[in-house]
Amino acid sequence: MDIKVLGFGCASCNRLYDEVHRAVRQLGLAATVSKVEKPEEMAAYRFAMTPALVINGEVKAAGRVPDAAEMTSWLTTAAMKEAGQ
């Protein structure tokens, strides 16, 4: 699973990055979590505000840090899609 946190390094961006790592660990998922801070790389995704969360190329949230239940749901759904379920 490929997870990206888009943002310029603000407190919310860093919090989202940490929360995503925590959720991935708790779920025991195999995932690559990365920060994207360069505007030219962020331009590939359509979103209005940072931080933004991208899971397997799909923007799931922008302008906020989603709660743990939302993140868990998105990550679980993405894992199931990858497993072909």
C-alpha atoms as a PDB file:
ATOM      1  CA  MET A   1       0.000   0.000   0.000  1.00  0.00           C
ATOM      2  CA  ASP A   2       1.273   3.456  -0.871  1.00  0.00           C
ATOM      3  CA  ILE A   3       0.319   6.256   1.512  1.00  0.00           C
ATOM      4  CA  LYS A   4       1.331   9.879   1.075  1.00  0.00           C
ATOM      5  CA  VAL A   5       0.877  12.862   3.359  1.00  0.00           C
ATOM      6  CA  LEU A   6       0.875  16.065   1.319  1.00  0.00           C
ATOM      7  CA  GLY A   7       1.883  19.262   3.054  1.00  0.00           C
ATOM      8  CA  PHE A   8       4.591  21.771   3.757  1.00  0.00           C
ATOM      9  CA  GLY A   9       5.678  20.497   7.168  1.00  0.00           C
ATOM     10  CA  CYS A  10       3.145  22.353   9.302  1.00  0.00           C
ATOM     11  CA  ALA A  11       2.051  20.983  12.684  1.00  0.00           C
ATOM     12  CA  SER A  12      -1.109  19.432  11.189  1.00  0.00           C
ATOM     13  CA  CYS A  13       0.896  17.793   8.400  1.00  0.00           C
ATOM     14  CA  ASN A  14       3.309  16.280  10.919  1.00  0.00           C
ATOM     15  CA  ARG A  15       0.422  15.123  13.126  1.00  0.00           C
ATOM     16  CA  LEU A  16      -1.274  13.430  10.164  1.00  0.00           C
ATOM     17  CA  TYR A  17       1.985  11.703   9.232  1.00  0.00           C
ATOM     18  CA  ASP A  18       2.367  10.400  12.808  1.00  0.00           C
ATOM     19  CA  GLU A  19      -1.280   9.299  13.001  1.00  0.00           C
ATOM     20  CA  VAL A  20      -1.013   7.402   9.712  1.00  0.00           C
ATOM     21  CA  HIS A  21       2.099   5.582  10.943  1.00  0.00           C
ATOM     22  CA  ARG A  22       0.292   4.682  14.166  1.00  0.00           C
ATOM     23  CA  ALA A  23      -2.751   3.326  12.294  1.00  0.00           C
ATOM     24  CA  VAL A  24      -0.606   1.289   9.892  1.00  0.00           C
ATOM     25  CA  ARG A  25       1.292  -0.254  12.830  1.00  0.00           C
ATOM     26  CA  GLN A  26      -1.891  -1.011  14.777  1.00  0.00           C
ATOM     27  CA  LEU A  27      -3.464  -2.707  11.766  1.00  0.00           C
ATOM     28  CA  GLY A  28      -0.264  -4.598  10.928  1.00  0.00           C
ATOM     29  CA  LEU A  29      -0.312  -3.468   7.319  1.00  0.00           C
ATOM     30  CA  ALA A  30       2.504  -3.563   4.803  1.00  0.00           C
ATOM     31  CA  ALA A  31       2.616   0.041   3.640  1.00  0.00           C
ATOM     32  CA  THR A  32       5.002   2.722   2.491  1.00  0.00           C
ATOM     33  CA  VAL A  33       4.223   6.037   4.171  1.00  0.00           C
ATOM     34  CA  SER A  34       5.909   9.129   2.796  1.00  0.00           C
ATOM     35  CA  LYS A  35       5.712  12.887   3.045  1.00  0.00           C
ATOM     36  CA  VAL A  36       5.348  14.970  -0.096  1.00  0.00           C
ATOM     37  CA  GLU A  37       6.425  18.550   0.543  1.00  0.00           C
ATOM     38  CA  LYS A  38       7.402  19.791  -2.915  1.00  0.00           C
ATOM     39  CA  PRO A  39       4.674  21.824  -4.628  1.00  0.00           C
ATOM     40  CA  GLU A  40       5.481  20.342  -8.036  1.00  0.00           C
ATOM     41  CA  GLU A  41       4.931  16.818  -6.681  1.00  0.00           C
ATOM     42  CA  MET A  42       1.751  17.813  -4.843  1.00  0.00           C
ATOM     43  CA  ALA A  43       0.327  19.292  -8.060  1.00  0.00           C
ATOM     44  CA  ALA A  44      -0.296  15.773  -9.378  1.00  0.00           C
ATOM     45  CA  TYR A  45      -3.119  15.398  -6.821  1.00  0.00           C
ATOM     46  CA  ARG A  46      -6.249  17.490  -6.847  1.00  0.00           C
ATOM     47  CA  PHE A  47      -6.860  18.842  -3.382  1.00  0.00           C
ATOM     48  CA  ALA A  48      -7.676  22.251  -1.927  1.00  0.00           C
ATOM     49  CA  MET A  49      -5.799  22.443   1.367  1.00  0.00           C
ATOM     50  CA  THR A  50      -3.039  20.769   3.308  1.00  0.00           C
ATOM     51  CA  PRO A  51      -2.607  18.433   4.951  1.00  0.00           C
ATOM     52  CA  ALA A  52      -3.911  15.906   2.485  1.00  0.00           C
ATOM     53  CA  LEU A  53      -3.940  12.137   2.792  1.00  0.00           C
ATOM     54  CA  VAL A  54      -3.502   9.999  -0.320  1.00  0.00           C
ATOM     55  CA  ILE A  55      -3.950   6.232  -0.210  1.00  0.00           C
ATOM     56  CA  ASN A  56      -2.971   4.304  -3.348  1.00  0.00           C
ATOM     57  CA  GLY A  57      -3.269   7.434  -5.463  1.00  0.00           C
ATOM     58  CA  GLU A  58      -6.690   8.509  -4.152  1.00  0.00           C
ATOM     59  CA  VAL A  59      -7.079  11.674  -2.064  1.00  0.00           C
ATOM     60  CA  LYS A  60      -9.029  10.643   1.030  1.00  0.00           C
ATOM     61  CA  ALA A  61      -8.886  13.853   3.073  1.00  0.00           C
ATOM     62  CA  ALA A  62      -7.694  17.417   2.612  1.00  0.00           C
ATOM     63  CA  GLY A  63      -7.483  20.382   4.946  1.00  0.00           C
ATOM     64  CA  ARG A  64      -7.854  18.309   8.101  1.00  0.00           C
ATOM     65  CA  VAL A  65      -6.478  15.437  10.116  1.00  0.00           C
ATOM     66  CA  PRO A  66      -9.060  12.641   9.893  1.00  0.00           C
ATOM     67  CA  ASP A  67      -9.978  10.815  13.075  1.00  0.00           C
ATOM     68  CA  ALA A  68      -8.631   7.342  13.826  1.00  0.00           C
ATOM     69  CA  ALA A  69     -11.872   5.575  12.841  1.00  0.00           C
ATOM     70  CA  GLU A  70     -11.906   7.168   9.385  1.00  0.00           C
ATOM     71  CA  MET A  71      -8.255   6.350   8.772  1.00  0.00           C
ATOM     72  CA  THR A  72      -8.712   2.771   9.940  1.00  0.00           C
ATOM     73  CA  SER A  73     -11.688   2.344   7.625  1.00  0.00           C
ATOM     74  CA  TRP A  74      -9.827   3.726   4.601  1.00  0.00           C
ATOM     75  CA  LEU A  75      -6.712   1.658   5.303  1.00  0.00           C
ATOM     76  CA  THR A  76      -8.703  -1.537   5.848  1.00  0.00           C
ATOM     77  CA  THR A  77     -10.656  -1.003   2.634  1.00  0.00           C
ATOM     78  CA  ALA A  78      -7.441  -0.359   0.675  1.00  0.00           C
ATOM     79  CA  ALA A  79      -5.836  -3.488   2.147  1.00  0.00           C
ATOM     80  CA  MET A  80      -8.855  -5.576   1.169  1.00  0.00           C
ATOM     81  CA  LYS A  81      -8.757  -4.207  -2.396  1.00  0.00           C
ATOM     82  CA  GLU A  82      -5.071  -5.078  -2.642  1.00  0.00           C
ATOM     83  CA  ALA A  83      -5.797  -8.592  -1.393  1.00  0.00           C
ATOM     84  CA  GLY A  84      -8.478  -8.955  -4.083  1.00  0.00           C
ATOM     85  CA  GLN A  85     -11.416  -9.169  -1.714  1.00  0.00           C
END
